[in-house]
Amino acid sequence: MHEIIQPDGWAKPIGYSNGISARGRIVQVGGQIGWDAHCQFHSDDFVDQVRQTLINIVSVLEAAEARPEHLIQMTWYFTDRVAYKSRMKEIGAVYREIIGRHFPPMAAVQVVALMEDRAKIEIQALAVVPD
């Protein structure tokens, strides 16, 4: 089982959690970007790439017999902080559509560039499948 950790007296975070406790089999999802299974980009739109990146994460989880609710950590790397912040409502809707209402601890970091020139977002994730 996973247990969300929320220190007493802290404001409740929106869209992520402050901590999580889990026990089971670890599944590490390497950095996924907004291209498809054939390494092809279908859009340069930020939210479209977020959608594809999350789909890719779910595909890796499924290959490991894991599900989105097993995620215990996500690190988001993006090249445009303004695009991320200005489209958070759309990003939230896409997240809930693909991942659901499971919000593990997350970090969001703006980077100068990603390895693939067209990539606008990369997400690395960690999951724990309960014993």
Protein backbone atom coordinates (compact mmCIF):
# COMPACT_ATOMS: atom_id res chain seq x y z
CA MET A 1 0.00 0.00 0.00
CA HIS A 2 0.98 3.60 -0.54
CA GLU A 3 0.55 6.18 2.18
CA ILE A 4 0.56 9.92 1.43
CA ILE A 5 2.69 11.84 3.93
CA GLN A 6 1.38 15.27 4.96
CA PRO A 7 3.18 16.96 7.89
CA ASP A 8 0.86 18.43 10.52
CA GLY A 9 0.21 22.11 10.05
CA TRP A 10 1.42 22.24 6.42
CA ALA A 11 -0.81 23.66 3.69
CA LYS A 12 -2.24 20.92 1.48
CA PRO A 13 -0.43 20.90 -1.88
CA ILE A 14 -2.42 21.03 -5.11
CA GLY A 15 -1.49 18.57 -7.85
CA TYR A 16 1.23 16.74 -5.92
CA SER A 17 1.97 15.43 -2.44
CA ASN A 18 4.75 16.31 -0.02
CA GLY A 19 5.71 12.70 0.57
CA ILE A 20 4.67 9.11 0.13
CA SER A 21 5.53 5.83 1.81
CA ALA A 22 5.41 2.59 -0.19
CA ARG A 23 6.49 -1.02 0.02
CA GLY A 24 6.92 -3.45 -2.90
CA ARG A 25 8.63 -3.96 -6.27
CA ILE A 26 10.32 -0.83 -7.67
CA VAL A 27 9.76 0.21 -11.28
CA GLN A 28 12.01 3.02 -12.55
CA VAL A 29 10.71 4.84 -15.62
CA GLY A 30 13.51 6.55 -17.52
CA GLY A 31 13.00 10.05 -18.87
CA GLN A 32 10.11 10.04 -21.33
CA ILE A 33 9.47 12.78 -23.86
CA GLY A 34 6.62 13.79 -26.16
CA TRP A 35 7.26 11.45 -29.04
CA ASP A 36 5.49 8.20 -29.89
CA ALA A 37 6.71 4.58 -29.69
CA HIS A 38 8.51 5.06 -33.04
CA CYS A 39 10.41 8.16 -31.83
CA GLN A 40 8.24 10.49 -33.92
CA PHE A 41 6.90 13.83 -32.73
CA HIS A 42 3.33 14.61 -33.82
CA SER A 43 3.16 18.10 -32.31
CA ASP A 44 5.32 20.93 -31.04
CA ASP A 45 2.53 22.12 -28.73
CA PHE A 46 3.56 21.97 -25.06
CA VAL A 47 0.34 20.35 -23.75
CA ASP A 48 0.28 17.83 -26.62
CA GLN A 49 3.81 16.80 -25.69
CA VAL A 50 2.84 16.51 -22.01
CA ARG A 51 -0.03 14.21 -23.05
CA GLN A 52 2.24 11.97 -25.11
CA THR A 53 4.90 11.93 -22.39
CA LEU A 54 2.33 10.76 -19.82
CA ILE A 55 1.02 8.14 -22.25
CA ASN A 56 4.60 6.90 -22.65
CA ILE A 57 5.03 6.64 -18.87
CA VAL A 58 1.82 4.62 -18.57
CA SER A 59 3.03 2.32 -21.39
CA VAL A 60 6.29 1.63 -19.55
CA LEU A 61 4.37 0.99 -16.33
CA GLU A 62 2.03 -1.42 -18.11
CA ALA A 63 5.01 -3.31 -19.58
CA ALA A 64 6.18 -3.79 -15.98
CA GLU A 65 2.69 -4.84 -14.82
CA ALA A 66 2.31 -1.58 -12.92
CA ARG A 67 -0.36 1.11 -13.03
CA PRO A 68 -0.37 4.93 -12.65
CA GLU A 69 -1.58 4.67 -9.03
CA HIS A 70 1.73 2.91 -8.24
CA LEU A 71 3.71 6.08 -9.03
CA ILE A 72 5.56 7.39 -6.00
CA GLN A 73 7.67 10.15 -7.60
CA MET A 74 7.81 12.23 -10.77
CA THR A 75 10.38 14.77 -11.93
CA TRP A 76 9.29 17.08 -14.73
CA TYR A 77 11.92 18.83 -16.85
CA PHE A 78 10.70 21.44 -19.33
CA THR A 79 12.30 24.06 -21.51
CA ASP A 80 9.74 26.84 -21.00
CA ARG A 81 8.61 27.74 -17.50
CA VAL A 82 6.14 30.30 -18.84
CA ALA A 83 4.46 27.68 -21.07
CA TYR A 84 4.23 25.33 -18.08
CA LYS A 85 2.77 27.91 -15.69
CA SER A 86 0.41 29.55 -18.19
CA ARG A 87 -1.12 26.22 -19.24
CA MET A 88 -1.36 24.50 -15.87
CA LYS A 89 -5.13 24.10 -16.14
CA GLU A 90 -4.78 22.23 -19.44
CA ILE A 91 -1.85 20.21 -18.11
CA GLY A 92 -3.91 19.27 -15.04
CA ALA A 93 -6.79 18.07 -17.23
CA VAL A 94 -4.45 15.94 -19.37
CA TYR A 95 -2.76 14.57 -16.24
CA ARG A 96 -6.09 13.51 -14.68
CA GLU A 97 -7.21 11.99 -18.01
CA ILE A 98 -4.10 9.78 -18.28
CA ILE A 99 -2.81 9.29 -14.72
CA GLY A 100 -6.03 9.83 -12.81
CA ARG A 101 -6.41 11.52 -9.42
CA HIS A 102 -3.17 10.12 -8.03
CA PHE A 103 -0.69 12.87 -7.16
CA PRO A 104 2.71 11.56 -5.98
CA PRO A 105 5.53 13.84 -4.85
CA MET A 106 6.78 15.81 -7.85
CA ALA A 107 9.49 18.25 -8.79
CA ALA A 108 9.25 20.61 -11.76
CA VAL A 109 12.46 22.05 -13.20
CA GLN A 110 13.12 24.38 -16.11
CA VAL A 111 16.17 23.35 -18.14
CA VAL A 112 18.00 25.10 -20.95
CA ALA A 113 17.42 22.24 -23.39
CA LEU A 114 16.58 18.55 -23.63
CA MET A 115 18.55 16.02 -25.68
CA GLU A 116 15.97 15.87 -28.49
CA ASP A 117 15.69 19.28 -30.16
CA ARG A 118 11.89 19.19 -30.53
CA ALA A 119 11.26 17.94 -26.98
CA LYS A 120 9.65 20.50 -24.70
CA ILE A 121 9.08 18.19 -21.71
CA GLU A 122 10.77 15.16 -20.18
CA ILE A 123 9.40 13.28 -17.19
CA GLN A 124 11.20 10.68 -15.12
CA ALA A 125 9.10 8.56 -12.77
CA LEU A 126 9.37 5.98 -10.02
CA ALA A 127 6.67 3.48 -9.08
CA VAL A 128 6.31 0.84 -6.40
CA VAL A 129 4.03 -2.11 -7.06
CA PRO A 130 2.70 -3.43 -3.73
CA ASP A 131 3.73 -6.94 -2.69
